[in-house]
C-alpha atoms as a PDB file:
ATOM      1  CA  UNK A   1      -0.208  -0.102   0.037  1.00  0.00           C
ATOM      2  CA  UNK A   2       1.209   3.482  -1.119  1.00  0.00           C
ATOM      3  CA  UNK A   3       0.287   6.478   1.339  1.00  0.00           C
ATOM      4  CA  UNK A   4       2.231   9.551   0.170  1.00  0.00           C
ATOM      5  CA  UNK A   5       2.727  11.774   3.390  1.00  0.00           C
ATOM      6  CA  UNK A   6       3.338  15.308   2.833  1.00  0.00           C
ATOM      7  CA  UNK A   7       5.480  17.697   5.148  1.00  0.00           C
ATOM      8  CA  UNK A   8       6.029  21.412   4.862  1.00  0.00           C
ATOM      9  CA  UNK A   9       3.115  23.598   5.125  1.00  0.00           C
ATOM     10  CA  UNK A  10       2.929  26.340   7.654  1.00  0.00           C
ATOM     11  CA  UNK A  11       2.048  30.130   7.871  1.00  0.00           C
ATOM     12  CA  UNK A  12       3.714  32.420   6.135  1.00  0.00           C
ATOM     13  CA  UNK A  13       3.510  36.124   5.005  1.00  0.00           C
ATOM     14  CA  UNK A  14       2.470  36.858   1.587  1.00  0.00           C
ATOM     15  CA  UNK A  15       5.916  37.648  -0.984  1.00  0.00           C
ATOM     16  CA  UNK A  16       7.235  34.219   1.272  1.00  0.00           C
ATOM     17  CA  UNK A  17       8.050  31.267  -0.073  1.00  0.00           C
ATOM     18  CA  UNK A  18       7.867  27.104   1.127  1.00  0.00           C
ATOM     19  CA  UNK A  19       8.705  23.903   0.226  1.00  0.00           C
ATOM     20  CA  UNK A  20       6.846  21.060   0.444  1.00  0.00           C
ATOM     21  CA  UNK A  21       7.614  17.671   0.404  1.00  0.00           C
ATOM     22  CA  UNK A  22       6.175  14.357  -0.072  1.00  0.00           C
ATOM     23  CA  UNK A  23       7.492  10.733   0.721  1.00  0.00           C
ATOM     24  CA  UNK A  24       5.303   8.206  -0.877  1.00  0.00           C
ATOM     25  CA  UNK A  25       7.049   4.582   0.235  1.00  0.00           C
ATOM     26  CA  UNK A  26       6.447   1.785  -1.502  1.00  0.00           C
ATOM     27  CA  UNK A  27       5.727   3.368  -5.062  1.00  0.00           C
ATOM     28  CA  UNK A  28       7.771   1.593  -7.710  1.00  0.00           C
ATOM     29  CA  UNK A  29       5.377   2.888 -10.737  1.00  0.00           C
ATOM     30  CA  UNK A  30       7.785   2.705 -13.661  1.00  0.00           C
ATOM     31  CA  UNK A  31       5.270   4.703 -15.647  1.00  0.00           C
ATOM     32  CA  UNK A  32       3.270   7.474 -13.634  1.00  0.00           C
ATOM     33  CA  UNK A  33       1.605  10.657 -12.774  1.00  0.00           C
ATOM     34  CA  UNK A  34       3.016  12.543  -9.449  1.00  0.00           C
ATOM     35  CA  UNK A  35       1.837  16.077  -8.533  1.00  0.00           C
ATOM     36  CA  UNK A  36       0.230  17.988  -6.139  1.00  0.00           C
ATOM     37  CA  UNK A  37      -3.770  19.272  -5.733  1.00  0.00           C
ATOM     38  CA  UNK A  38      -4.930  22.148  -3.428  1.00  0.00           C
ATOM     39  CA  UNK A  39      -7.956  22.587  -1.934  1.00  0.00           C
ATOM     40  CA  UNK A  40      -8.855  26.235  -0.263  1.00  0.00           C
ATOM     41  CA  UNK A  41     -12.174  25.898   1.861  1.00  0.00           C
ATOM     42  CA  UNK A  42     -15.361  26.278   0.471  1.00  0.00           C
ATOM     43  CA  UNK A  43     -13.552  25.725  -2.786  1.00  0.00           C
ATOM     44  CA  UNK A  44     -12.838  22.516  -5.335  1.00  0.00           C
ATOM     45  CA  UNK A  45      -9.889  20.511  -5.282  1.00  0.00           C
ATOM     46  CA  UNK A  46      -7.468  22.051  -7.759  1.00  0.00           C
ATOM     47  CA  UNK A  47      -4.709  20.777  -9.880  1.00  0.00           C
ATOM     48  CA  UNK A  48      -1.255  22.658  -8.829  1.00  0.00           C
ATOM     49  CA  UNK A  49       1.621  21.239 -10.204  1.00  0.00           C
ATOM     50  CA  UNK A  50       1.814  17.646 -11.798  1.00  0.00           C
ATOM     51  CA  UNK A  51       5.234  15.860 -13.100  1.00  0.00           C
ATOM     52  CA  UNK A  52       4.955  12.744 -15.183  1.00  0.00           C
ATOM     53  CA  UNK A  53       7.712  10.002 -15.245  1.00  0.00           C
ATOM     54  CA  UNK A  54       9.385  11.296 -18.294  1.00  0.00           C
ATOM     55  CA  UNK A  55       9.704  14.481 -16.384  1.00  0.00           C
ATOM     56  CA  UNK A  56       7.168  16.720 -17.835  1.00  0.00           C
ATOM     57  CA  UNK A  57       5.905  19.284 -15.734  1.00  0.00           C
ATOM     58  CA  UNK A  58       2.550  20.618 -15.898  1.00  0.00           C
ATOM     59  CA  UNK A  59       1.446  23.806 -13.848  1.00  0.00           C
ATOM     60  CA  UNK A  60      -2.041  25.348 -13.216  1.00  0.00           C
ATOM     61  CA  UNK A  61      -2.149  29.269 -14.800  1.00  0.00           C
ATOM     62  CA  UNK A  62      -2.398  30.729 -11.026  1.00  0.00           C
ATOM     63  CA  UNK A  63       1.120  29.268 -10.096  1.00  0.00           C
ATOM     64  CA  UNK A  64       3.260  29.367 -13.589  1.00  0.00           C
ATOM     65  CA  UNK A  65       6.376  31.336 -12.879  1.00  0.00           C
ATOM     66  CA  UNK A  66       6.246  30.786  -8.798  1.00  0.00           C
ATOM     67  CA  UNK A  67       5.699  27.240  -8.291  1.00  0.00           C
ATOM     68  CA  UNK A  68       8.227  24.260  -9.455  1.00  0.00           C
ATOM     69  CA  UNK A  69       7.445  20.818  -8.697  1.00  0.00           C
ATOM     70  CA  UNK A  70      10.297  18.324  -9.017  1.00  0.00           C
ATOM     71  CA  UNK A  71      11.309  14.588  -8.025  1.00  0.00           C
ATOM     72  CA  UNK A  72      13.620  13.217  -5.528  1.00  0.00           C
ATOM     73  CA  UNK A  73      16.610  10.677  -6.115  1.00  0.00           C
ATOM     74  CA  UNK A  74      14.793   7.423  -6.385  1.00  0.00           C
ATOM     75  CA  UNK A  75      11.221   8.955  -8.020  1.00  0.00           C
ATOM     76  CA  UNK A  76       9.519   8.651  -4.525  1.00  0.00           C
ATOM     77  CA  UNK A  77      10.071  11.689  -3.458  1.00  0.00           C
ATOM     78  CA  UNK A  78       8.163  14.874  -4.574  1.00  0.00           C
ATOM     79  CA  UNK A  79       8.448  18.876  -4.250  1.00  0.00           C
ATOM     80  CA  UNK A  80       7.078  21.860  -4.808  1.00  0.00           C
ATOM     81  CA  UNK A  81       9.108  24.855  -4.120  1.00  0.00           C
ATOM     82  CA  UNK A  82       6.484  28.054  -3.498  1.00  0.00           C
ATOM     83  CA  UNK A  83       7.950  31.383  -4.157  1.00  0.00           C
ATOM     84  CA  UNK A  84       5.959  34.938  -4.251  1.00  0.00           C
ATOM     85  CA  UNK A  85       3.404  33.388  -1.992  1.00  0.00           C
ATOM     86  CA  UNK A  86      -0.324  35.290  -1.868  1.00  0.00           C
ATOM     87  CA  UNK A  87      -3.064  35.011  -0.163  1.00  0.00           C
ATOM     88  CA  UNK A  88      -5.111  33.359  -2.339  1.00  0.00           C
ATOM     89  CA  UNK A  89      -2.317  30.161  -1.988  1.00  0.00           C
ATOM     90  CA  UNK A  90      -3.920  29.673   0.829  1.00  0.00           C
ATOM     91  CA  UNK A  91      -5.074  25.938   0.977  1.00  0.00           C
ATOM     92  CA  UNK A  92      -4.725  22.044   2.252  1.00  0.00           C
ATOM     93  CA  UNK A  93      -2.361  20.881  -0.378  1.00  0.00           C
ATOM     94  CA  UNK A  94      -2.163  17.038  -1.429  1.00  0.00           C
ATOM     95  CA  UNK A  95       0.216  14.617  -2.693  1.00  0.00           C
ATOM     96  CA  UNK A  96      -1.751  12.502  -5.126  1.00  0.00           C
ATOM     97  CA  UNK A  97      -0.307   9.628  -7.743  1.00  0.00           C
ATOM     98  CA  UNK A  98      -1.884   7.827 -10.271  1.00  0.00           C
ATOM     99  CA  UNK A  99      -1.888   6.793 -14.062  1.00  0.00           C
ATOM    100  CA  UNK A 100       0.812   8.662 -16.633  1.00  0.00           C
ATOM    101  CA  UNK A 101      -1.886   9.787 -18.586  1.00  0.00           C
ATOM    102  CA  UNK A 102      -3.905  11.969 -15.586  1.00  0.00           C
ATOM    103  CA  UNK A 103      -0.781  14.262 -16.164  1.00  0.00           C
ATOM    104  CA  UNK A 104      -2.565  15.176 -19.313  1.00  0.00           C
ATOM    105  CA  UNK A 105      -5.435  16.757 -17.920  1.00  0.00           C
ATOM    106  CA  UNK A 106      -3.927  17.385 -14.517  1.00  0.00           C
ATOM    107  CA  UNK A 107      -4.814  21.014 -14.393  1.00  0.00           C
ATOM    108  CA  UNK A 108      -8.503  20.623 -15.669  1.00  0.00           C
ATOM    109  CA  UNK A 109      -9.260  18.236 -12.931  1.00  0.00           C
ATOM    110  CA  UNK A 110      -9.640  17.303  -9.116  1.00  0.00           C
ATOM    111  CA  UNK A 111      -7.777  14.694  -9.553  1.00  0.00           C
ATOM    112  CA  UNK A 112     -10.381  11.568 -10.365  1.00  0.00           C
ATOM    113  CA  UNK A 113      -8.637   8.397 -10.739  1.00  0.00           C
ATOM    114  CA  UNK A 114      -5.508   9.341  -9.037  1.00  0.00           C
ATOM    115  CA  UNK A 115      -4.772   6.284  -7.051  1.00  0.00           C
ATOM    116  CA  UNK A 116      -2.576   7.358  -4.168  1.00  0.00           C
ATOM    117  CA  UNK A 117      -3.966  10.570  -1.788  1.00  0.00           C
ATOM    118  CA  UNK A 118      -1.700  12.110   0.910  1.00  0.00           C
ATOM    119  CA  UNK A 119      -3.788  13.383   3.827  1.00  0.00           C
ATOM    120  CA  UNK A 120      -2.584  16.961   3.176  1.00  0.00           C
ATOM    121  CA  UNK A 121      -0.134  19.885   4.947  1.00  0.00           C
ATOM    122  CA  UNK A 122      -1.930  23.048   5.343  1.00  0.00           C
ATOM    123  CA  UNK A 123      -0.293  26.246   3.803  1.00  0.00           C
ATOM    124  CA  UNK A 124      -1.257  29.707   5.343  1.00  0.00           C
ATOM    125  CA  UNK A 125      -0.603  33.173   3.715  1.00  0.00           C
ATOM    126  CA  UNK A 126      -0.979  36.295   5.440  1.00  0.00           C
ATOM    127  CA  UNK A 127      -1.309  39.174   3.756  1.00  0.00           C
END
């Protein structure tokens, strides 16, 4: 059983930076999509940034140029570097993994079809 575990969320001021980490022990897919979703109170879950097993990345328009998704050695660790944070980035951030094809629609969906989800890490940006 693969259970991603997120960390790194906390409260920071607007304009600051955070780095989220996700450790997905037991994850050994050779072809996959991994990424970060977020959900703010009262809002739908949205895809923020994803990366597939070819290393191709995809970003929501709202975070392009500010967020960077990357993988650690061994490909079972995922990171999200978040710079120039804004109050509207406040949300619970979830790490998820699933079939490679889901990266094609990553930012248009809410993660339906992703097989593995973490419990989330809370990011709060104050103005």
